[in-house]
Amino acid sequence: MKIRIRLREILAERGISQRQFALSMDMRIATINHLCSDSVDRVYIRTLEQICEALDITVDQLIVSAEDE
């Protein structure tokens, strides 16, 4: 099963740039840019947890099955 991270969409809906988000999270901009791309092949669970906490969302709002689309 393929999954997709919706970070780019969620940030766009909230009017937050990837750069702003990375700086507010104290993460590397390259990390956030990578997670917003369509070529994510691995990610740390803790990173996903931090993103969900910062955006006040659940992991199932952040990650969706690519097969459902």
N, C-alpha and C. Protein backbone atom coordinates (compact mmCIF):
# COMPACT_ATOMS: atom_id res chain seq x y z
N MET A 1 0.85 -1.18 0.00
CA MET A 1 0.00 0.00 0.00
C MET A 1 0.89 1.24 0.00
N LYS A 2 0.55 2.17 -0.85
CA LYS A 2 1.28 3.45 -0.90
C LYS A 2 0.54 4.48 -0.06
N ILE A 3 1.31 5.31 0.60
CA ILE A 3 0.73 6.38 1.40
C ILE A 3 1.25 7.72 0.90
N ARG A 4 0.54 8.78 1.26
CA ARG A 4 0.93 10.13 0.86
C ARG A 4 0.81 11.05 2.06
N ILE A 5 1.79 11.91 2.21
CA ILE A 5 1.78 12.89 3.29
C ILE A 5 1.15 14.17 2.74
N ARG A 6 0.12 14.68 3.40
CA ARG A 6 -0.64 15.84 2.94
C ARG A 6 -0.10 17.17 3.46
N LEU A 7 1.13 17.21 3.90
CA LEU A 7 1.67 18.41 4.53
C LEU A 7 1.57 19.64 3.63
N ARG A 8 1.91 19.50 2.37
CA ARG A 8 1.86 20.65 1.44
C ARG A 8 0.44 21.22 1.38
N GLU A 9 -0.55 20.34 1.27
CA GLU A 9 -1.95 20.78 1.19
C GLU A 9 -2.40 21.48 2.47
N ILE A 10 -2.05 20.90 3.60
CA ILE A 10 -2.47 21.45 4.89
C ILE A 10 -1.85 22.83 5.11
N LEU A 11 -0.56 22.96 4.78
CA LEU A 11 0.10 24.26 4.94
C LEU A 11 -0.54 25.29 4.00
N ALA A 12 -0.85 24.89 2.77
CA ALA A 12 -1.48 25.82 1.82
C ALA A 12 -2.86 26.25 2.31
N GLU A 13 -3.63 25.32 2.86
CA GLU A 13 -4.96 25.64 3.39
C GLU A 13 -4.88 26.68 4.51
N ARG A 14 -3.80 26.62 5.27
CA ARG A 14 -3.63 27.51 6.42
C ARG A 14 -2.83 28.76 6.09
N GLY A 15 -2.36 28.87 4.86
CA GLY A 15 -1.60 30.04 4.44
C GLY A 15 -0.22 30.12 5.08
N ILE A 16 0.39 28.98 5.33
CA ILE A 16 1.71 28.91 5.96
C ILE A 16 2.70 28.41 4.92
N SER A 17 3.80 29.12 4.76
CA SER A 17 4.82 28.67 3.81
C SER A 17 5.63 27.54 4.44
N GLN A 18 6.25 26.75 3.59
CA GLN A 18 7.09 25.67 4.09
C GLN A 18 8.23 26.23 4.92
N ARG A 19 8.77 27.35 4.49
CA ARG A 19 9.88 27.99 5.21
C ARG A 19 9.42 28.46 6.60
N GLN A 20 8.28 29.13 6.65
CA GLN A 20 7.75 29.59 7.94
C GLN A 20 7.53 28.42 8.89
N PHE A 21 6.95 27.35 8.35
CA PHE A 21 6.66 26.19 9.18
C PHE A 21 7.95 25.56 9.70
N ALA A 22 8.93 25.40 8.83
CA ALA A 22 10.21 24.82 9.25
C ALA A 22 10.85 25.65 10.35
N LEU A 23 10.84 26.96 10.19
CA LEU A 23 11.44 27.82 11.20
C LEU A 23 10.68 27.74 12.53
N SER A 24 9.37 27.68 12.46
CA SER A 24 8.57 27.60 13.69
C SER A 24 8.75 26.25 14.38
N MET A 25 9.08 25.22 13.61
CA MET A 25 9.28 23.88 14.16
C MET A 25 10.73 23.64 14.59
N ASP A 26 11.60 24.58 14.26
CA ASP A 26 13.03 24.42 14.51
C ASP A 26 13.55 23.17 13.79
N MET A 27 13.08 23.01 12.55
CA MET A 27 13.51 21.90 11.69
C MET A 27 14.22 22.47 10.48
N ARG A 28 15.00 21.63 9.86
CA ARG A 28 15.65 22.07 8.63
C ARG A 28 14.60 22.31 7.55
N ILE A 29 14.78 23.37 6.80
CA ILE A 29 13.85 23.69 5.72
C ILE A 29 13.83 22.55 4.71
N ALA A 30 14.98 21.95 4.46
CA ALA A 30 15.07 20.84 3.51
C ALA A 30 14.20 19.66 3.95
N THR A 31 14.09 19.45 5.25
CA THR A 31 13.27 18.35 5.77
C THR A 31 11.80 18.60 5.44
N ILE A 32 11.33 19.81 5.70
CA ILE A 32 9.93 20.14 5.41
C ILE A 32 9.69 20.12 3.91
N ASN A 33 10.61 20.67 3.13
CA ASN A 33 10.46 20.64 1.67
C ASN A 33 10.36 19.21 1.17
N HIS A 34 11.17 18.32 1.71
CA HIS A 34 11.14 16.91 1.31
C HIS A 34 9.80 16.28 1.66
N LEU A 35 9.29 16.56 2.85
CA LEU A 35 8.01 15.99 3.27
C LEU A 35 6.85 16.54 2.46
N CYS A 36 7.03 17.69 1.86
CA CYS A 36 5.99 18.28 1.01
C CYS A 36 6.08 17.80 -0.44
N SER A 37 7.13 17.09 -0.75
CA SER A 37 7.29 16.59 -2.13
C SER A 37 6.52 15.29 -2.31
N ASP A 38 6.46 14.85 -3.54
CA ASP A 38 5.76 13.60 -3.85
C ASP A 38 6.70 12.39 -3.82
N SER A 39 7.92 12.61 -3.40
CA SER A 39 8.90 11.51 -3.45
C SER A 39 9.40 11.11 -2.06
N VAL A 40 8.56 11.20 -1.07
CA VAL A 40 8.96 10.81 0.29
C VAL A 40 9.00 9.28 0.35
N ASP A 41 10.15 8.76 0.73
CA ASP A 41 10.26 7.31 0.84
C ASP A 41 10.48 6.84 2.27
N ARG A 42 10.77 7.77 3.17
CA ARG A 42 10.91 7.43 4.58
C ARG A 42 10.80 8.68 5.43
N VAL A 43 10.32 8.47 6.64
CA VAL A 43 10.17 9.59 7.57
C VAL A 43 10.17 9.02 8.98
N TYR A 44 10.72 9.76 9.90
CA TYR A 44 10.71 9.35 11.30
C TYR A 44 9.33 9.56 11.90
N ILE A 45 8.89 8.61 12.69
CA ILE A 45 7.60 8.71 13.37
C ILE A 45 7.58 9.95 14.26
N ARG A 46 8.66 10.23 14.96
CA ARG A 46 8.72 11.39 15.84
C ARG A 46 8.52 12.68 15.05
N THR A 47 9.04 12.76 13.84
CA THR A 47 8.84 13.94 13.00
C THR A 47 7.37 14.12 12.68
N LEU A 48 6.70 13.02 12.34
CA LEU A 48 5.26 13.09 12.06
C LEU A 48 4.49 13.52 13.30
N GLU A 49 4.89 13.01 14.46
CA GLU A 49 4.23 13.40 15.71
C GLU A 49 4.39 14.89 15.97
N GLN A 50 5.60 15.41 15.76
CA GLN A 50 5.86 16.84 15.98
C GLN A 50 5.03 17.70 15.03
N ILE A 51 4.93 17.27 13.78
CA ILE A 51 4.14 18.02 12.80
C ILE A 51 2.67 18.02 13.20
N CYS A 52 2.17 16.86 13.59
CA CYS A 52 0.76 16.77 14.01
C CYS A 52 0.49 17.64 15.23
N GLU A 53 1.39 17.63 16.18
CA GLU A 53 1.23 18.47 17.38
C GLU A 53 1.22 19.95 17.01
N ALA A 54 2.14 20.34 16.15
CA ALA A 54 2.25 21.76 15.77
C ALA A 54 1.02 22.24 15.00
N LEU A 55 0.45 21.36 14.18
CA LEU A 55 -0.70 21.74 13.37
C LEU A 55 -2.03 21.40 14.04
N ASP A 56 -1.96 20.75 15.19
CA ASP A 56 -3.15 20.32 15.94
C ASP A 56 -4.05 19.45 15.06
N ILE A 57 -3.42 18.43 14.47
CA ILE A 57 -4.15 17.47 13.66
C ILE A 57 -3.76 16.06 14.09
N THR A 58 -4.51 15.08 13.60
CA THR A 58 -4.17 13.68 13.89
C THR A 58 -3.35 13.13 12.73
N VAL A 59 -2.69 12.03 12.99
CA VAL A 59 -1.83 11.44 11.95
C VAL A 59 -2.65 10.98 10.75
N ASP A 60 -3.90 10.56 10.97
CA ASP A 60 -4.71 10.14 9.82
C ASP A 60 -5.18 11.33 8.98
N GLN A 61 -5.08 12.53 9.50
CA GLN A 61 -5.34 13.73 8.69
C GLN A 61 -4.10 14.10 7.87
N LEU A 62 -2.94 13.73 8.38
CA LEU A 62 -1.68 14.06 7.73
C LEU A 62 -1.30 13.02 6.66
N ILE A 63 -1.59 11.75 6.94
CA ILE A 63 -1.21 10.67 6.04
C ILE A 63 -2.47 10.02 5.48
N VAL A 64 -2.51 9.86 4.18
CA VAL A 64 -3.65 9.20 3.53
C VAL A 64 -3.13 8.12 2.60
N SER A 65 -3.98 7.19 2.29
CA SER A 65 -3.64 6.14 1.35
C SER A 65 -3.66 6.73 -0.06
N ALA A 66 -2.60 6.54 -0.79
CA ALA A 66 -2.53 7.05 -2.16
C ALA A 66 -3.46 6.24 -3.06
N GLU A 67 -3.81 5.06 -2.65
CA GLU A 67 -4.70 4.20 -3.44
C GLU A 67 -6.14 4.68 -3.39
N ASP A 68 -6.50 5.46 -2.37
CA ASP A 68 -7.85 5.98 -2.23
C ASP A 68 -8.12 7.16 -3.16
N GLU A 69 -7.08 7.68 -3.75
CA GLU A 69 -7.22 8.88 -4.58
C GLU A 69 -7.39 8.55 -6.04
